């Protein structure tokens, strides 16, 4: 069985996710799993895809960076796949099954995993440089304030007797966030 896995880092990358899914369907995947989550976060669909692999199955990804960001993480997962008697296919390496148990397959994967990690580290370096430059020019705004920035408003409205659902609606936040703020202030 071919099990396809598609991932983008954020929810605003719908086109990228759709493109990966199209490639996986074209590659003949019997089952698809996808998610929009950072590669360093918990990836439940990825874990489920690995867990369902059986001997002879192949996990298919479009690019190596959809699979892992570091050599350590990459090889840990490859070893887990090998232990199940399954294989890994990366479509940007020609669409052929790469036998992760062969010396040639491991060499090719090592080189490409190294490039993926290098690319990620260069991107992060550029991001840090860009933020530093924007701060120096007074243009850096930083991350948008989270709901915690509205804590005072939530507590004030709650003290006036407003229902939690109305507070959430008025401030454009979730009811769970309102509950969290009120509970952390000890005002159940």
C-alpha atoms as a PDB file:
ATOM      1  CA  UNK A   1       0.000   0.000   0.000  1.00  0.00           C
ATOM      2  CA  UNK A   2       1.161   3.547  -0.769  1.00  0.00           C
ATOM      3  CA  UNK A   3       0.428   5.965   2.058  1.00  0.00           C
ATOM      4  CA  UNK A   4       0.838   9.622   1.120  1.00  0.00           C
ATOM      5  CA  UNK A   5       1.649  12.356   3.600  1.00  0.00           C
ATOM      6  CA  UNK A   6       1.296  16.080   2.883  1.00  0.00           C
ATOM      7  CA  UNK A   7       2.125  18.930   5.243  1.00  0.00           C
ATOM      8  CA  UNK A   8       2.426  22.683   5.273  1.00  0.00           C
ATOM      9  CA  UNK A   9       3.665  24.687   8.227  1.00  0.00           C
ATOM     10  CA  UNK A  10       0.761  27.113   8.494  1.00  0.00           C
ATOM     11  CA  UNK A  11      -2.925  27.227   7.676  1.00  0.00           C
ATOM     12  CA  UNK A  12      -2.431  30.044   5.160  1.00  0.00           C
ATOM     13  CA  UNK A  13      -0.569  27.690   2.821  1.00  0.00           C
ATOM     14  CA  UNK A  14      -3.641  25.958   1.409  1.00  0.00           C
ATOM     15  CA  UNK A  15      -2.383  26.081  -2.189  1.00  0.00           C
ATOM     16  CA  UNK A  16       0.848  24.319  -1.202  1.00  0.00           C
ATOM     17  CA  UNK A  17      -1.052  21.599   0.625  1.00  0.00           C
ATOM     18  CA  UNK A  18      -3.420  21.112  -2.317  1.00  0.00           C
ATOM     19  CA  UNK A  19      -0.461  20.834  -4.705  1.00  0.00           C
ATOM     20  CA  UNK A  20       1.152  18.146  -2.546  1.00  0.00           C
ATOM     21  CA  UNK A  21      -2.112  16.201  -2.372  1.00  0.00           C
ATOM     22  CA  UNK A  22      -2.444  16.333  -6.181  1.00  0.00           C
ATOM     23  CA  UNK A  23       1.112  14.976  -6.556  1.00  0.00           C
ATOM     24  CA  UNK A  24       0.431  12.177  -4.079  1.00  0.00           C
ATOM     25  CA  UNK A  25      -2.777  11.192  -5.872  1.00  0.00           C
ATOM     26  CA  UNK A  26      -0.924  11.219  -9.209  1.00  0.00           C
ATOM     27  CA  UNK A  27       1.754   8.975  -7.647  1.00  0.00           C
ATOM     28  CA  UNK A  28      -0.969   6.405  -6.937  1.00  0.00           C
ATOM     29  CA  UNK A  29      -1.306   6.688  -3.164  1.00  0.00           C
ATOM     30  CA  UNK A  30      -4.003   4.424  -1.761  1.00  0.00           C
ATOM     31  CA  UNK A  31      -4.460   6.582   1.314  1.00  0.00           C
ATOM     32  CA  UNK A  32      -3.649  10.209   2.090  1.00  0.00           C
ATOM     33  CA  UNK A  33      -2.935  11.962   5.355  1.00  0.00           C
ATOM     34  CA  UNK A  34      -2.399  15.700   5.586  1.00  0.00           C
ATOM     35  CA  UNK A  35      -2.028  18.426   8.154  1.00  0.00           C
ATOM     36  CA  UNK A  36      -1.060  22.051   8.548  1.00  0.00           C
ATOM     37  CA  UNK A  37       1.428  22.137  11.386  1.00  0.00           C
ATOM     38  CA  UNK A  38       5.066  23.077  11.890  1.00  0.00           C
ATOM     39  CA  UNK A  39       7.566  20.267  11.425  1.00  0.00           C
ATOM     40  CA  UNK A  40       8.797  20.827  14.972  1.00  0.00           C
ATOM     41  CA  UNK A  41       5.293  20.541  16.484  1.00  0.00           C
ATOM     42  CA  UNK A  42       3.288  17.420  17.280  1.00  0.00           C
ATOM     43  CA  UNK A  43       2.198  15.911  13.951  1.00  0.00           C
ATOM     44  CA  UNK A  44      -0.641  13.476  14.652  1.00  0.00           C
ATOM     45  CA  UNK A  45      -1.334  12.642  10.991  1.00  0.00           C
ATOM     46  CA  UNK A  46       2.348  11.916  10.360  1.00  0.00           C
ATOM     47  CA  UNK A  47       2.501   9.678  13.413  1.00  0.00           C
ATOM     48  CA  UNK A  48      -0.658   7.885  12.276  1.00  0.00           C
ATOM     49  CA  UNK A  49       0.813   7.311   8.808  1.00  0.00           C
ATOM     50  CA  UNK A  50       3.974   5.806  10.301  1.00  0.00           C
ATOM     51  CA  UNK A  51       1.955   3.699  12.759  1.00  0.00           C
ATOM     52  CA  UNK A  52      -0.178   2.139  10.025  1.00  0.00           C
ATOM     53  CA  UNK A  53       2.779   1.035   7.864  1.00  0.00           C
ATOM     54  CA  UNK A  54       3.005  -2.717   7.375  1.00  0.00           C
ATOM     55  CA  UNK A  55       5.726  -4.809   5.697  1.00  0.00           C
ATOM     56  CA  UNK A  56       5.959  -3.884   2.030  1.00  0.00           C
ATOM     57  CA  UNK A  57       4.082  -0.575   2.412  1.00  0.00           C
ATOM     58  CA  UNK A  58       5.599   2.696   1.236  1.00  0.00           C
ATOM     59  CA  UNK A  59       5.296   6.118   2.812  1.00  0.00           C
ATOM     60  CA  UNK A  60       5.243   8.736   0.040  1.00  0.00           C
ATOM     61  CA  UNK A  61       6.097  12.417   0.516  1.00  0.00           C
ATOM     62  CA  UNK A  62       6.584  15.101  -2.120  1.00  0.00           C
ATOM     63  CA  UNK A  63       9.743  16.598  -0.642  1.00  0.00           C
ATOM     64  CA  UNK A  64      12.197  15.610   2.024  1.00  0.00           C
ATOM     65  CA  UNK A  65      11.417  18.713   4.107  1.00  0.00           C
ATOM     66  CA  UNK A  66       7.787  17.530   4.412  1.00  0.00           C
ATOM     67  CA  UNK A  67       9.184  14.450   6.135  1.00  0.00           C
ATOM     68  CA  UNK A  68      11.803  15.886   8.516  1.00  0.00           C
ATOM     69  CA  UNK A  69      13.870  19.027   9.135  1.00  0.00           C
ATOM     70  CA  UNK A  70      16.952  17.546  10.758  1.00  0.00           C
ATOM     71  CA  UNK A  71      19.193  14.610  10.016  1.00  0.00           C
ATOM     72  CA  UNK A  72      18.594  13.198  13.481  1.00  0.00           C
ATOM     73  CA  UNK A  73      14.801  13.302  13.100  1.00  0.00           C
ATOM     74  CA  UNK A  74      15.056  12.041   9.552  1.00  0.00           C
ATOM     75  CA  UNK A  75      17.122   8.967  10.395  1.00  0.00           C
ATOM     76  CA  UNK A  76      15.119   8.160  13.509  1.00  0.00           C
ATOM     77  CA  UNK A  77      11.964   7.974  11.408  1.00  0.00           C
ATOM     78  CA  UNK A  78      13.679   6.107   8.546  1.00  0.00           C
ATOM     79  CA  UNK A  79      14.859   3.484  11.046  1.00  0.00           C
ATOM     80  CA  UNK A  80      11.300   3.188  12.393  1.00  0.00           C
ATOM     81  CA  UNK A  81      10.015   2.653   8.842  1.00  0.00           C
ATOM     82  CA  UNK A  82      12.766   0.090   8.124  1.00  0.00           C
ATOM     83  CA  UNK A  83      11.955  -1.795  11.323  1.00  0.00           C
ATOM     84  CA  UNK A  84       8.409  -2.253  10.005  1.00  0.00           C
ATOM     85  CA  UNK A  85       9.718  -3.672   6.712  1.00  0.00           C
ATOM     86  CA  UNK A  86       8.332  -0.622   4.903  1.00  0.00           C
ATOM     87  CA  UNK A  87       9.893   1.878   2.494  1.00  0.00           C
ATOM     88  CA  UNK A  88      10.092   5.600   1.834  1.00  0.00           C
ATOM     89  CA  UNK A  89       9.497   7.314  -1.510  1.00  0.00           C
ATOM     90  CA  UNK A  90      10.313  10.974  -1.989  1.00  0.00           C
ATOM     91  CA  UNK A  91       8.777  12.280  -5.199  1.00  0.00           C
ATOM     92  CA  UNK A  92      11.251  15.092  -5.779  1.00  0.00           C
ATOM     93  CA  UNK A  93      13.961  12.435  -6.116  1.00  0.00           C
ATOM     94  CA  UNK A  94      12.507  11.025  -9.316  1.00  0.00           C
ATOM     95  CA  UNK A  95       9.451   9.216  -7.992  1.00  0.00           C
ATOM     96  CA  UNK A  96      11.239   5.911  -7.562  1.00  0.00           C
ATOM     97  CA  UNK A  97      11.097   3.917  -4.360  1.00  0.00           C
ATOM     98  CA  UNK A  98      14.270   4.510  -2.425  1.00  0.00           C
ATOM     99  CA  UNK A  99      15.271   1.373  -0.595  1.00  0.00           C
ATOM    100  CA  UNK A 100      16.292   2.731   2.769  1.00  0.00           C
ATOM    101  CA  UNK A 101      18.015  -0.557   3.561  1.00  0.00           C
ATOM    102  CA  UNK A 102      20.455  -0.399   0.653  1.00  0.00           C
ATOM    103  CA  UNK A 103      23.779   1.447   0.838  1.00  0.00           C
ATOM    104  CA  UNK A 104      22.934   3.487  -2.279  1.00  0.00           C
ATOM    105  CA  UNK A 105      19.510   4.471  -0.971  1.00  0.00           C
ATOM    106  CA  UNK A 106      20.963   5.502   2.397  1.00  0.00           C
ATOM    107  CA  UNK A 107      23.677   7.558   0.674  1.00  0.00           C
ATOM    108  CA  UNK A 108      21.174   9.419  -1.485  1.00  0.00           C
ATOM    109  CA  UNK A 109      18.913  10.054   1.496  1.00  0.00           C
ATOM    110  CA  UNK A 110      21.828  11.235   3.642  1.00  0.00           C
ATOM    111  CA  UNK A 111      22.881  13.792   1.045  1.00  0.00           C
ATOM    112  CA  UNK A 112      19.362  15.121   0.543  1.00  0.00           C
ATOM    113  CA  UNK A 113      18.589  15.156   4.285  1.00  0.00           C
ATOM    114  CA  UNK A 114      21.759  17.197   4.773  1.00  0.00           C
ATOM    115  CA  UNK A 115      20.637  19.675   2.120  1.00  0.00           C
ATOM    116  CA  UNK A 116      17.179  19.958   3.695  1.00  0.00           C
ATOM    117  CA  UNK A 117      18.679  20.703   7.105  1.00  0.00           C
ATOM    118  CA  UNK A 118      21.118  23.203   5.557  1.00  0.00           C
ATOM    119  CA  UNK A 119      18.268  24.953   3.728  1.00  0.00           C
ATOM    120  CA  UNK A 120      16.248  25.200   6.962  1.00  0.00           C
ATOM    121  CA  UNK A 121      19.195  26.635   8.914  1.00  0.00           C
ATOM    122  CA  UNK A 122      19.951  29.218   6.198  1.00  0.00           C
ATOM    123  CA  UNK A 123      16.287  30.258   6.160  1.00  0.00           C
ATOM    124  CA  UNK A 124      16.321  30.729   9.942  1.00  0.00           C
ATOM    125  CA  UNK A 125      19.542  32.765   9.759  1.00  0.00           C
ATOM    126  CA  UNK A 126      17.985  35.040   7.140  1.00  0.00           C
ATOM    127  CA  UNK A 127      14.870  35.416   9.252  1.00  0.00           C
ATOM    128  CA  UNK A 128      16.925  36.502  12.291  1.00  0.00           C
ATOM    129  CA  UNK A 129      18.894  38.956  10.129  1.00  0.00           C
ATOM    130  CA  UNK A 130      15.679  40.385   8.660  1.00  0.00           C
ATOM    131  CA  UNK A 131      14.118  40.877  12.081  1.00  0.00           C
ATOM    132  CA  UNK A 132      17.272  42.571  13.397  1.00  0.00           C
ATOM    133  CA  UNK A 133      17.317  44.913  10.390  1.00  0.00           C
ATOM    134  CA  UNK A 134      13.613  45.744  10.772  1.00  0.00           C
ATOM    135  CA  UNK A 135      14.099  46.443  14.499  1.00  0.00           C
ATOM    136  CA  UNK A 136      17.060  48.736  13.748  1.00  0.00           C
ATOM    137  CA  UNK A 137      14.906  50.655  11.263  1.00  0.00           C
ATOM    138  CA  UNK A 138      12.000  50.833  13.708  1.00  0.00           C
ATOM    139  CA  UNK A 139       9.784  48.790  11.396  1.00  0.00           C
ATOM    140  CA  UNK A 140       9.523  45.597  13.430  1.00  0.00           C
ATOM    141  CA  UNK A 141       6.093  45.156  14.929  1.00  0.00           C
ATOM    142  CA  UNK A 142       6.593  41.660  16.282  1.00  0.00           C
ATOM    143  CA  UNK A 143       3.958  39.043  16.717  1.00  0.00           C
ATOM    144  CA  UNK A 144       0.346  40.158  16.988  1.00  0.00           C
ATOM    145  CA  UNK A 145      -0.805  40.284  20.599  1.00  0.00           C
ATOM    146  CA  UNK A 146      -2.515  37.140  21.762  1.00  0.00           C
ATOM    147  CA  UNK A 147      -5.799  37.005  23.577  1.00  0.00           C
ATOM    148  CA  UNK A 148      -3.872  37.617  26.815  1.00  0.00           C
ATOM    149  CA  UNK A 149      -3.515  41.222  25.640  1.00  0.00           C
ATOM    150  CA  UNK A 150      -7.277  41.501  26.138  1.00  0.00           C
ATOM    151  CA  UNK A 151      -7.177  40.073  29.677  1.00  0.00           C
ATOM    152  CA  UNK A 152      -8.051  43.377  31.353  1.00  0.00           C
ATOM    153  CA  UNK A 153     -11.101  43.804  29.110  1.00  0.00           C
ATOM    154  CA  UNK A 154     -12.225  40.216  29.743  1.00  0.00           C
ATOM    155  CA  UNK A 155     -11.927  40.632  33.513  1.00  0.00           C
ATOM    156  CA  UNK A 156     -13.678  44.003  33.463  1.00  0.00           C
ATOM    157  CA  UNK A 157     -16.615  42.657  31.438  1.00  0.00           C
ATOM    158  CA  UNK A 158     -16.795  39.600  33.674  1.00  0.00           C
ATOM    159  CA  UNK A 159     -16.848  41.802  36.789  1.00  0.00           C
ATOM    160  CA  UNK A 160     -19.825  43.644  35.277  1.00  0.00           C
ATOM    161  CA  UNK A 161     -21.647  40.326  35.053  1.00  0.00           C
ATOM    162  CA  UNK A 162     -21.398  39.757  31.322  1.00  0.00           C
ATOM    163  CA  UNK A 163     -21.839  36.115  30.277  1.00  0.00           C
ATOM    164  CA  UNK A 164     -18.668  34.457  28.974  1.00  0.00           C
ATOM    165  CA  UNK A 165     -20.209  33.790  25.561  1.00  0.00           C
ATOM    166  CA  UNK A 166     -21.027  37.483  25.117  1.00  0.00           C
ATOM    167  CA  UNK A 167     -17.521  38.538  26.194  1.00  0.00           C
ATOM    168  CA  UNK A 168     -16.050  36.169  23.627  1.00  0.00           C
ATOM    169  CA  UNK A 169     -18.349  37.485  20.905  1.00  0.00           C
ATOM    170  CA  UNK A 170     -17.689  41.139  21.719  1.00  0.00           C
ATOM    171  CA  UNK A 171     -13.897  40.752  21.811  1.00  0.00           C
ATOM    172  CA  UNK A 172     -13.655  38.322  18.892  1.00  0.00           C
ATOM    173  CA  UNK A 173     -12.003  35.577  20.921  1.00  0.00           C
ATOM    174  CA  UNK A 174     -12.962  32.016  21.764  1.00  0.00           C
ATOM    175  CA  UNK A 175     -15.061  31.111  24.782  1.00  0.00           C
ATOM    176  CA  UNK A 176     -12.258  28.818  25.916  1.00  0.00           C
ATOM    177  CA  UNK A 177      -9.892  31.798  25.994  1.00  0.00           C
ATOM    178  CA  UNK A 178     -12.360  33.791  28.069  1.00  0.00           C
ATOM    179  CA  UNK A 179     -12.729  30.859  30.476  1.00  0.00           C
ATOM    180  CA  UNK A 180      -8.944  30.553  30.715  1.00  0.00           C
ATOM    181  CA  UNK A 181      -8.415  34.216  31.543  1.00  0.00           C
ATOM    182  CA  UNK A 182     -11.176  34.270  34.138  1.00  0.00           C
ATOM    183  CA  UNK A 183     -10.028  31.009  35.735  1.00  0.00           C
ATOM    184  CA  UNK A 184      -6.367  32.066  35.862  1.00  0.00           C
ATOM    185  CA  UNK A 185      -7.446  35.251  37.654  1.00  0.00           C
ATOM    186  CA  UNK A 186      -9.324  33.110  40.184  1.00  0.00           C
ATOM    187  CA  UNK A 187     -12.732  34.550  39.298  1.00  0.00           C
ATOM    188  CA  UNK A 188     -14.571  31.384  38.346  1.00  0.00           C
END
